[in-house]
Protein backbone atom coordinates (compact mmCIF):
# COMPACT_ATOMS: atom_id res chain seq x y z
CA MET A 1 120.79 92.88 100.39
CA ARG A 2 119.95 96.49 100.94
CA GLU A 3 118.15 98.07 103.96
CA LEU A 4 114.65 99.50 103.38
CA LYS A 5 113.78 102.99 104.78
CA LEU A 6 110.68 101.36 106.04
CA LYS A 7 111.25 99.31 109.54
CA PRO A 8 109.20 96.92 111.71
CA GLY A 9 106.64 98.99 113.69
CA ASP A 10 106.15 101.46 110.96
CA PRO A 11 102.80 102.20 109.49
CA ALA A 12 102.44 100.15 106.13
CA PRO A 13 101.83 102.65 103.41
CA GLU A 14 98.41 102.68 102.08
CA PHE A 15 97.38 101.34 98.53
CA SER A 16 94.82 100.36 96.06
CA LEU A 17 95.64 98.18 93.24
CA ALA A 18 93.71 96.06 90.63
CA ASN A 19 94.30 92.36 90.82
CA GLN A 20 93.97 89.68 87.75
CA LYS A 21 90.19 89.40 88.45
CA ASP A 22 89.73 93.19 87.94
CA GLU A 23 88.92 93.76 91.77
CA LEU A 24 90.15 96.50 93.62
CA VAL A 25 92.42 95.57 96.72
CA THR A 26 93.10 98.06 99.11
CA LEU A 27 95.69 97.68 102.20
CA SER A 28 92.90 99.42 104.76
CA SER A 29 90.03 96.96 103.60
CA LEU A 30 92.14 93.93 105.20
CA LYS A 31 92.71 95.66 108.51
CA GLY A 32 91.95 92.77 111.28
CA LYS A 33 93.97 90.41 109.06
CA LYS A 34 97.90 89.85 108.53
CA VAL A 35 98.95 90.81 105.00
CA LEU A 36 101.86 89.44 103.22
CA LEU A 37 103.02 91.66 100.46
CA SER A 38 105.19 89.76 98.01
CA PHE A 39 106.95 92.29 95.64
CA HIS A 40 108.37 90.42 92.67
CA PRO A 41 110.25 92.28 89.58
CA LEU A 42 107.89 90.98 86.60
CA ALA A 43 105.64 88.53 85.59
CA TRP A 44 106.34 85.59 83.11
CA THR A 45 109.76 85.06 84.80
CA SER A 46 110.81 81.78 86.40
CA VAL A 47 111.57 82.81 89.80
CA CYS A 48 108.63 85.04 90.10
CA GLU A 49 106.63 82.09 88.80
CA VAL A 50 107.95 79.98 91.89
CA GLN A 51 107.48 82.94 94.10
CA MET A 52 103.79 83.36 93.12
CA LYS A 53 102.91 79.66 93.14
CA SER A 54 104.36 79.16 96.54
CA LEU A 55 101.67 81.92 97.68
CA GLU A 56 99.03 79.89 96.15
CA ILE A 57 100.18 76.10 97.46
CA LYS A 58 100.52 77.88 100.86
CA LYS A 59 96.95 79.59 100.97
CA GLY A 60 95.65 77.07 103.49
CA ASP A 61 98.43 77.81 106.05
CA PHE A 62 97.96 81.60 105.46
CA ASP A 63 94.20 81.14 106.10
CA LYS A 64 95.05 79.41 109.27
CA SER A 65 97.13 82.24 110.39
CA ASN A 66 94.53 84.79 109.62
CA THR A 67 96.77 86.28 106.73
CA VAL A 68 96.16 87.32 103.25
CA ALA A 69 99.08 87.13 100.87
CA LEU A 70 99.34 89.34 97.86
CA GLY A 71 101.66 89.23 94.91
CA ILE A 72 102.70 92.63 93.60
CA SER A 73 104.74 93.62 90.32
CA VAL A 74 104.90 96.47 87.87
CA ASP A 75 102.94 94.52 85.33
CA SER A 76 99.61 95.35 84.08
CA ALA A 77 96.16 94.00 85.23
CA PRO A 78 95.71 92.21 81.78
CA SER A 79 99.22 90.77 81.91
CA LYS A 80 98.66 89.52 85.36
CA LYS A 81 95.18 88.16 84.55
CA ALA A 82 96.86 85.87 81.61
CA TRP A 83 99.95 85.07 83.92
CA ALA A 84 97.39 83.87 86.76
CA ALA A 85 95.76 81.62 84.14
CA HIS A 86 98.87 80.32 83.00
CA LEU A 87 100.23 79.52 86.63
CA ASN A 88 96.61 78.06 87.61
CA ILE A 89 96.53 80.82 90.32
CA GLU A 90 93.01 81.15 91.40
CA HIS A 91 93.07 82.02 95.14
CA THR A 92 95.98 84.53 95.38
CA SER A 93 95.35 88.27 94.23
CA LEU A 94 98.27 89.18 91.91
CA LEU A 95 98.26 93.02 92.07
CA ALA A 96 99.02 95.28 88.93
CA ASP A 97 101.32 98.15 90.28
CA PHE A 98 101.40 99.37 86.75
CA TRP A 99 100.17 103.12 86.53
CA PRO A 100 101.48 105.36 88.19
CA HIS A 101 104.31 102.87 87.13
CA GLY A 102 105.61 101.08 90.34
CA LYS A 103 103.97 103.65 92.84
CA VAL A 104 103.38 101.08 95.55
CA ALA A 105 106.78 99.77 95.04
CA ALA A 106 108.27 103.29 95.36
CA LYS A 107 106.20 103.77 98.69
CA TYR A 108 107.69 100.72 99.87
CA ASP A 109 111.28 101.78 98.83
CA LEU A 110 111.46 98.83 96.65
CA PHE A 111 111.18 100.46 93.12
CA ILE A 112 114.42 100.19 91.24
CA ASP A 113 114.37 103.31 88.75
CA LYS A 114 117.02 102.23 86.51
CA LEU A 115 115.45 98.97 85.72
CA GLY A 116 111.90 100.03 85.89
CA ILE A 117 110.82 97.15 88.30
CA SER A 118 110.48 96.45 91.92
CA GLY A 119 113.02 94.58 94.06
CA ARG A 120 112.03 91.16 95.39
CA ALA A 121 110.77 91.04 99.11
CA ASN A 122 108.38 89.83 101.27
CA ILE A 123 106.67 92.49 103.89
CA LEU A 124 104.54 91.12 106.82
CA ILE A 125 101.73 93.79 108.00
CA ASP A 126 100.13 92.97 111.28
CA GLU A 127 96.56 93.28 111.85
CA LYS A 128 96.59 96.78 112.84
CA GLY A 129 98.30 98.02 109.56
CA ASN A 130 101.81 98.09 110.86
CA ILE A 131 104.73 96.41 109.43
CA GLU A 132 105.98 93.33 111.31
CA LYS A 133 108.82 91.85 109.41
CA ILE A 134 110.61 92.46 106.11
CA TRP A 135 112.68 90.07 104.19
CA VAL A 136 114.42 91.56 100.91
CA TYR A 137 116.17 89.39 98.51
CA GLU A 138 118.48 89.69 95.80
CA ILE A 139 116.38 89.74 92.30
CA PRO A 140 117.61 85.98 91.18
CA GLN A 141 116.83 84.47 94.54
CA ILE A 142 113.65 82.67 95.20
CA PRO A 143 111.88 84.01 98.68
CA ASP A 144 111.84 81.50 101.35
CA ILE A 145 108.09 80.84 102.03
CA GLU A 146 108.67 78.70 105.13
CA ALA A 147 110.49 81.52 107.04
CA VAL A 148 107.39 83.47 106.45
CA LEU A 149 105.22 80.98 107.57
CA GLN A 150 107.45 80.37 110.56
CA ALA A 151 107.12 83.93 111.54
CA LEU A 152 103.42 83.50 111.27
CA LYS A 153 103.30 80.97 114.16
């Protein structure tokens, strides 16, 4: 696993992305809450499905920890909308980092140019908008959601 340029304590880069409900989600609008950015390479893939379903399943735990979990990939908003419906994801925002392609993933040092996708990572941002913890995973690896929940305690 590679090291990212961003480190805990750094300000998290700002972004505005559409979710599967055509709502604009901005990081700055979530100040006062912790934010989990769950980057995944592509919708409609099995590991990404498990990763996004885990966010939805654990929503109650995130709520108890004053945390908003967001899934982010380079897919388009219409693709995210169809995928969320397919997965029965109703409460977790799945964000489309589609255009400019992978711009937010690049801001977080996760865009893989030669593949045109983001890497797989969970980035926890504190209530003030600073990076608190970073987990980077290999592309085929399912992220450990329990490790994230443990860090929230």
